[in-house]
């Protein structure tokens, strides 16, 4: 795709060097300071799918809920 946009391969190697340099310099840095590992852990997305709800619960949570309901 790069060669089609530039009509040649002359800029391919410099572009690869710039991409590799940018990748190496940006390691350990992120725009997300408190990113959760998955949508399952997010309270905003907890109700999106039934499987996400089940993965977020433990057996202890279910037993406690069962004992607390009359």
PDB file of N, CA and C in Angstrom:
ATOM      1  N   UNK A   1       0.825  -1.177   0.000  1.00  0.00           N
ATOM      2  CA  UNK A   1       0.000   0.000   0.000  1.00  0.00           C
ATOM      3  C   UNK A   1       0.879   1.253   0.000  1.00  0.00           C
ATOM      4  N   UNK A   2       1.949   1.197   0.760  1.00  0.00           N
ATOM      5  CA  UNK A   2       2.841   2.353   0.833  1.00  0.00           C
ATOM      6  C   UNK A   2       3.447   2.655  -0.528  1.00  0.00           C
ATOM      7  N   UNK A   3       3.865   1.606  -1.230  1.00  0.00           N
ATOM      8  CA  UNK A   3       4.485   1.828  -2.541  1.00  0.00           C
ATOM      9  C   UNK A   3       3.467   2.328  -3.566  1.00  0.00           C
ATOM     10  N   UNK A   4       2.213   1.938  -3.426  1.00  0.00           N
ATOM     11  CA  UNK A   4       1.187   2.440  -4.333  1.00  0.00           C
ATOM     12  C   UNK A   4       0.893   3.918  -4.080  1.00  0.00           C
ATOM     13  N   UNK A   5       0.937   4.336  -2.826  1.00  0.00           N
ATOM     14  CA  UNK A   5       0.669   5.740  -2.514  1.00  0.00           C
ATOM     15  C   UNK A   5       1.801   6.657  -2.961  1.00  0.00           C
ATOM     16  N   UNK A   6       3.040   6.178  -2.849  1.00  0.00           N
ATOM     17  CA  UNK A   6       4.186   7.024  -3.190  1.00  0.00           C
ATOM     18  C   UNK A   6       4.729   6.743  -4.587  1.00  0.00           C
ATOM     19  N   UNK A   7       4.167   5.783  -5.287  1.00  0.00           N
ATOM     20  CA  UNK A   7       4.599   5.391  -6.640  1.00  0.00           C
ATOM     21  C   UNK A   7       6.045   4.915  -6.671  1.00  0.00           C
ATOM     22  N   UNK A   8       6.479   4.234  -5.652  1.00  0.00           N
ATOM     23  CA  UNK A   8       7.826   3.692  -5.637  1.00  0.00           C
ATOM     24  C   UNK A   8       8.198   3.173  -4.258  1.00  0.00           C
ATOM     25  N   UNK A   9       9.423   2.636  -4.176  1.00  0.00           N
ATOM     26  CA  UNK A   9       9.915   2.065  -2.922  1.00  0.00           C
ATOM     27  C   UNK A   9      10.971   2.934  -2.249  1.00  0.00           C
ATOM     28  N   UNK A  10      11.189   4.143  -2.744  1.00  0.00           N
ATOM     29  CA  UNK A  10      12.267   4.982  -2.208  1.00  0.00           C
ATOM     30  C   UNK A  10      12.022   5.377  -0.742  1.00  0.00           C
ATOM     31  N   UNK A  11      10.798   5.591  -0.359  1.00  0.00           N
ATOM     32  CA  UNK A  11      10.507   6.041   1.006  1.00  0.00           C
ATOM     33  C   UNK A  11      10.137   4.908   1.953  1.00  0.00           C
ATOM     34  N   UNK A  12      10.168   3.678   1.479  1.00  0.00           N
ATOM     35  CA  UNK A  12       9.762   2.550   2.314  1.00  0.00           C
ATOM     36  C   UNK A  12      10.721   2.323   3.480  1.00  0.00           C
ATOM     37  N   UNK A  13      12.010   2.291   3.226  1.00  0.00           N
ATOM     38  CA  UNK A  13      12.984   2.070   4.291  1.00  0.00           C
ATOM     39  C   UNK A  13      12.995   3.215   5.314  1.00  0.00           C
ATOM     40  N   UNK A  14      13.022   4.498   4.895  1.00  0.00           N
ATOM     41  CA  UNK A  14      12.940   5.563   5.905  1.00  0.00           C
ATOM     42  C   UNK A  14      11.640   5.518   6.718  1.00  0.00           C
ATOM     43  N   UNK A  15      10.544   5.151   6.092  1.00  0.00           N
ATOM     44  CA  UNK A  15       9.283   5.056   6.832  1.00  0.00           C
ATOM     45  C   UNK A  15       9.337   3.934   7.863  1.00  0.00           C
ATOM     46  N   UNK A  16       9.988   2.829   7.517  1.00  0.00           N
ATOM     47  CA  UNK A  16      10.133   1.736   8.473  1.00  0.00           C
ATOM     48  C   UNK A  16      11.015   2.152   9.647  1.00  0.00           C
ATOM     49  N   UNK A  17      12.079   2.905   9.376  1.00  0.00           N
ATOM     50  CA  UNK A  17      12.951   3.386  10.447  1.00  0.00           C
ATOM     51  C   UNK A  17      12.192   4.330  11.386  1.00  0.00           C
ATOM     52  N   UNK A  18      11.411   5.228  10.819  1.00  0.00           N
ATOM     53  CA  UNK A  18      10.642   6.172  11.633  1.00  0.00           C
ATOM     54  C   UNK A  18       9.602   5.440  12.465  1.00  0.00           C
ATOM     55  N   UNK A  19       8.956   4.445  11.881  1.00  0.00           N
ATOM     56  CA  UNK A  19       7.956   3.673  12.615  1.00  0.00           C
ATOM     57  C   UNK A  19       8.595   2.902  13.768  1.00  0.00           C
ATOM     58  N   UNK A  20       9.743   2.280  13.509  1.00  0.00           N
ATOM     59  CA  UNK A  20      10.437   1.530  14.555  1.00  0.00           C
ATOM     60  C   UNK A  20      10.919   2.467  15.659  1.00  0.00           C
ATOM     61  N   UNK A  21      11.443   3.615  15.300  1.00  0.00           N
ATOM     62  CA  UNK A  21      11.908   4.578  16.294  1.00  0.00           C
ATOM     63  C   UNK A  21      10.752   5.098  17.152  1.00  0.00           C
ATOM     64  N   UNK A  22       9.635   5.405  16.523  1.00  0.00           N
ATOM     65  CA  UNK A  22       8.466   5.877  17.266  1.00  0.00           C
ATOM     66  C   UNK A  22       7.948   4.796  18.200  1.00  0.00           C
ATOM     67  N   UNK A  23       7.955   3.553  17.749  1.00  0.00           N
ATOM     68  CA  UNK A  23       7.518   2.442  18.601  1.00  0.00           C
ATOM     69  C   UNK A  23       8.430   2.280  19.813  1.00  0.00           C
ATOM     70  N   UNK A  24       9.736   2.339  19.591  1.00  0.00           N
ATOM     71  CA  UNK A  24      10.685   2.174  20.695  1.00  0.00           C
ATOM     72  C   UNK A  24      10.612   3.330  21.693  1.00  0.00           C
ATOM     73  N   UNK A  25      10.412   4.541  21.200  1.00  0.00           N
ATOM     74  CA  UNK A  25      10.342   5.698  22.095  1.00  0.00           C
ATOM     75  C   UNK A  25       9.029   5.751  22.881  1.00  0.00           C
ATOM     76  N   UNK A  26       7.989   5.153  22.350  1.00  0.00           N
ATOM     77  CA  UNK A  26       6.692   5.233  23.030  1.00  0.00           C
ATOM     78  C   UNK A  26       6.418   4.053  23.946  1.00  0.00           C
ATOM     79  N   UNK A  27       7.344   3.138  24.109  1.00  0.00           N
ATOM     80  CA  UNK A  27       7.134   1.998  25.006  1.00  0.00           C
ATOM     81  C   UNK A  27       7.024   2.485  26.445  1.00  0.00           C
ATOM     82  N   UNK A  28       6.064   1.930  27.157  1.00  0.00           N
ATOM     83  CA  UNK A  28       5.864   2.326  28.545  1.00  0.00           C
ATOM     84  C   UNK A  28       5.024   3.574  28.701  1.00  0.00           C
ATOM     85  N   UNK A  29       4.663   4.209  27.615  1.00  0.00           N
ATOM     86  CA  UNK A  29       3.853   5.417  27.677  1.00  0.00           C
ATOM     87  C   UNK A  29       2.509   5.119  27.036  1.00  0.00           C
ATOM     88  N   UNK A  30       1.455   5.611  27.648  1.00  0.00           N
ATOM     89  CA  UNK A  30       0.125   5.351  27.116  1.00  0.00           C
ATOM     90  C   UNK A  30      -0.756   6.563  27.339  1.00  0.00           C
ATOM     91  N   UNK A  31      -1.745   6.736  26.489  1.00  0.00           N
ATOM     92  CA  UNK A  31      -2.690   7.829  26.693  1.00  0.00           C
ATOM     93  C   UNK A  31      -3.754   7.439  27.705  1.00  0.00           C
ATOM     94  N   UNK A  32      -3.828   6.148  28.028  1.00  0.00           N
ATOM     95  CA  UNK A  32      -4.794   5.656  29.004  1.00  0.00           C
ATOM     96  C   UNK A  32      -4.086   5.443  30.334  1.00  0.00           C
ATOM     97  N   UNK A  33      -4.389   6.279  31.306  1.00  0.00           N
ATOM     98  CA  UNK A  33      -3.703   6.165  32.596  1.00  0.00           C
ATOM     99  C   UNK A  33      -4.277   5.066  33.467  1.00  0.00           C
ATOM    100  N   UNK A  34      -5.581   4.885  33.408  1.00  0.00           N
ATOM    101  CA  UNK A  34      -6.210   3.871  34.250  1.00  0.00           C
ATOM    102  C   UNK A  34      -7.043   2.920  33.392  1.00  0.00           C
ATOM    103  N   UNK A  35      -6.438   2.388  32.358  1.00  0.00           N
ATOM    104  CA  UNK A  35      -7.144   1.486  31.458  1.00  0.00           C
ATOM    105  C   UNK A  35      -7.365   0.145  32.135  1.00  0.00           C
ATOM    106  N   UNK A  36      -8.579  -0.347  32.084  1.00  0.00           N
ATOM    107  CA  UNK A  36      -8.907  -1.645  32.636  1.00  0.00           C
ATOM    108  C   UNK A  36      -8.472  -2.735  31.664  1.00  0.00           C
ATOM    109  N   UNK A  37      -8.174  -3.929  32.167  1.00  0.00           N
ATOM    110  CA  UNK A  37      -7.702  -4.989  31.277  1.00  0.00           C
ATOM    111  C   UNK A  37      -8.738  -5.458  30.258  1.00  0.00           C
ATOM    112  N   UNK A  38     -10.019  -5.335  30.590  1.00  0.00           N
ATOM    113  CA  UNK A  38     -11.053  -5.820  29.690  1.00  0.00           C
ATOM    114  C   UNK A  38     -12.347  -5.068  29.948  1.00  0.00           C
ATOM    115  N   UNK A  39     -13.301  -5.181  29.017  1.00  0.00           N
ATOM    116  CA  UNK A  39     -14.607  -4.539  29.198  1.00  0.00           C
ATOM    117  C   UNK A  39     -15.384  -5.177  30.336  1.00  0.00           C
ATOM    118  N   UNK A  40     -15.042  -6.402  30.673  1.00  0.00           N
ATOM    119  CA  UNK A  40     -15.744  -7.104  31.752  1.00  0.00           C
ATOM    120  C   UNK A  40     -15.572  -6.368  33.076  1.00  0.00           C
ATOM    121  N   UNK A  41     -14.417  -5.773  33.293  1.00  0.00           N
ATOM    122  CA  UNK A  41     -14.127  -5.095  34.552  1.00  0.00           C
ATOM    123  C   UNK A  41     -14.724  -3.694  34.630  1.00  0.00           C
ATOM    124  N   UNK A  42     -15.251  -3.201  33.547  1.00  0.00           N
ATOM    125  CA  UNK A  42     -15.816  -1.855  33.514  1.00  0.00           C
ATOM    126  C   UNK A  42     -17.269  -1.876  33.963  1.00  0.00           C
ATOM    127  N   UNK A  43     -17.619  -1.068  34.961  1.00  0.00           N
ATOM    128  CA  UNK A  43     -19.016  -1.027  35.393  1.00  0.00           C
ATOM    129  C   UNK A  43     -19.948  -0.504  34.300  1.00  0.00           C
ATOM    130  N   UNK A  44     -19.458   0.311  33.410  1.00  0.00           N
ATOM    131  CA  UNK A  44     -20.292   0.856  32.340  1.00  0.00           C
ATOM    132  C   UNK A  44     -20.688  -0.212  31.330  1.00  0.00           C
ATOM    133  N   UNK A  45     -19.876  -1.244  31.157  1.00  0.00           N
ATOM    134  CA  UNK A  45     -20.140  -2.288  30.166  1.00  0.00           C
ATOM    135  C   UNK A  45     -20.576  -3.597  30.812  1.00  0.00           C
ATOM    136  N   UNK A  46     -20.876  -3.610  32.067  1.00  0.00           N
ATOM    137  CA  UNK A  46     -21.209  -4.851  32.756  1.00  0.00           C
ATOM    138  C   UNK A  46     -22.473  -5.488  32.194  1.00  0.00           C
ATOM    139  N   UNK A  47     -23.452  -4.705  31.776  1.00  0.00           N
ATOM    140  CA  UNK A  47     -24.699  -5.258  31.284  1.00  0.00           C
ATOM    141  C   UNK A  47     -24.737  -5.516  29.795  1.00  0.00           C
ATOM    142  N   UNK A  48     -23.623  -5.360  29.094  1.00  0.00           N
ATOM    143  CA  UNK A  48     -23.613  -5.536  27.637  1.00  0.00           C
ATOM    144  C   UNK A  48     -23.901  -6.967  27.212  1.00  0.00           C
ATOM    145  N   UNK A  49     -23.358  -7.909  27.902  1.00  0.00           N
ATOM    146  CA  UNK A  49     -23.591  -9.303  27.529  1.00  0.00           C
ATOM    147  C   UNK A  49     -23.739 -10.150  28.781  1.00  0.00           C
ATOM    148  N   UNK A  50     -24.482 -11.201  28.643  1.00  0.00           N
ATOM    149  CA  UNK A  50     -24.720 -12.078  29.784  1.00  0.00           C
ATOM    150  C   UNK A  50     -23.449 -12.791  30.211  1.00  0.00           C
ATOM    151  N   UNK A  51     -22.604 -13.131  29.236  1.00  0.00           N
ATOM    152  CA  UNK A  51     -21.357 -13.805  29.572  1.00  0.00           C
ATOM    153  C   UNK A  51     -20.432 -12.896  30.366  1.00  0.00           C
ATOM    154  N   UNK A  52     -20.436 -11.624  30.047  1.00  0.00           N
ATOM    155  CA  UNK A  52     -19.607 -10.689  30.802  1.00  0.00           C
ATOM    156  C   UNK A  52     -20.040 -10.609  32.253  1.00  0.00           C
ATOM    157  N   UNK A  53     -21.326 -10.705  32.485  1.00  0.00           N
ATOM    158  CA  UNK A  53     -21.828 -10.684  33.858  1.00  0.00           C
ATOM    159  C   UNK A  53     -21.387 -11.939  34.596  1.00  0.00           C
ATOM    160  N   UNK A  54     -21.491 -13.078  33.941  1.00  0.00           N
ATOM    161  CA  UNK A  54     -21.101 -14.322  34.591  1.00  0.00           C
ATOM    162  C   UNK A  54     -19.603 -14.383  34.859  1.00  0.00           C
ATOM    163  N   UNK A  55     -18.806 -13.844  33.944  1.00  0.00           N
ATOM    164  CA  UNK A  55     -17.356 -13.847  34.161  1.00  0.00           C
ATOM    165  C   UNK A  55     -16.964 -12.914  35.294  1.00  0.00           C
ATOM    166  N   UNK A  56     -17.785 -11.916  35.563  1.00  0.00           N
ATOM    167  CA  UNK A  56     -17.475 -10.977  36.629  1.00  0.00           C
ATOM    168  C   UNK A  56     -17.883 -11.459  38.006  1.00  0.00           C
ATOM    169  N   UNK A  57     -18.632 -12.548  38.085  1.00  0.00           N
ATOM    170  CA  UNK A  57     -19.099 -13.075  39.366  1.00  0.00           C
ATOM    171  C   UNK A  57     -18.260 -14.262  39.799  1.00  0.00           C
ATOM    172  N   UNK A  58     -18.203 -14.457  41.099  1.00  0.00           N
ATOM    173  CA  UNK A  58     -17.564 -15.648  41.652  1.00  0.00           C
ATOM    174  C   UNK A  58     -18.636 -16.528  42.271  1.00  0.00           C
ATOM    175  N   UNK A  59     -18.286 -17.752  42.602  1.00  0.00           N
ATOM    176  CA  UNK A  59     -19.236 -18.663  43.229  1.00  0.00           C
ATOM    177  C   UNK A  59     -19.668 -18.111  44.579  1.00  0.00           C
ATOM    178  N   UNK A  60     -18.746 -17.483  45.288  1.00  0.00           N
ATOM    179  CA  UNK A  60     -19.077 -16.891  46.579  1.00  0.00           C
ATOM    180  C   UNK A  60     -20.113 -15.785  46.457  1.00  0.00           C
ATOM    181  N   UNK A  61     -20.023 -14.991  45.400  1.00  0.00           N
ATOM    182  CA  UNK A  61     -21.017 -13.938  45.178  1.00  0.00           C
ATOM    183  C   UNK A  61     -22.401 -14.537  44.949  1.00  0.00           C
ATOM    184  N   UNK A  62     -22.473 -15.606  44.184  1.00  0.00           N
ATOM    185  CA  UNK A  62     -23.762 -16.224  43.884  1.00  0.00           C
ATOM    186  C   UNK A  62     -24.347 -16.875  45.135  1.00  0.00           C
ATOM    187  N   UNK A  63     -23.511 -17.554  45.919  1.00  0.00           N
ATOM    188  CA  UNK A  63     -23.999 -18.179  47.148  1.00  0.00           C
ATOM    189  C   UNK A  63     -24.463 -17.129  48.146  1.00  0.00           C
ATOM    190  N   UNK A  64     -23.741 -16.038  48.265  1.00  0.00           N
ATOM    191  CA  UNK A  64     -24.140 -14.978  49.183  1.00  0.00           C
ATOM    192  C   UNK A  64     -25.471 -14.369  48.750  1.00  0.00           C
ATOM    193  N   UNK A  65     -25.650 -14.152  47.444  1.00  0.00           N
ATOM    194  CA  UNK A  65     -26.898 -13.586  46.935  1.00  0.00           C
ATOM    195  C   UNK A  65     -28.051 -14.571  47.179  1.00  0.00           C
ATOM    196  N   UNK A  66     -27.818 -15.846  47.001  1.00  0.00           N
ATOM    197  CA  UNK A  66     -28.861 -16.850  47.201  1.00  0.00           C
ATOM    198  C   UNK A  66     -29.278 -16.920  48.675  1.00  0.00           C
ATOM    199  N   UNK A  67     -28.329 -16.808  49.596  1.00  0.00           N
ATOM    200  CA  UNK A  67     -28.642 -16.853  51.021  1.00  0.00           C
ATOM    201  C   UNK A  67     -29.338 -15.583  51.488  1.00  0.00           C
ATOM    202  N   UNK A  68     -29.053 -14.458  50.837  1.00  0.00           N
ATOM    203  CA  UNK A  68     -29.618 -13.178  51.270  1.00  0.00           C
ATOM    204  C   UNK A  68     -31.045 -12.986  50.796  1.00  0.00           C
ATOM    205  N   UNK A  69     -31.445 -13.649  49.728  1.00  0.00           N
ATOM    206  CA  UNK A  69     -32.820 -13.477  49.236  1.00  0.00           C
ATOM    207  C   UNK A  69     -33.767 -14.421  49.979  1.00  0.00           C
ATOM    208  N   UNK A  70     -34.972 -13.932  50.313  1.00  0.00           N
ATOM    209  CA  UNK A  70     -35.909 -14.792  51.062  1.00  0.00           C
ATOM    210  C   UNK A  70     -36.582 -15.811  50.195  1.00  0.00           C
TER     211      UNK A  70
END
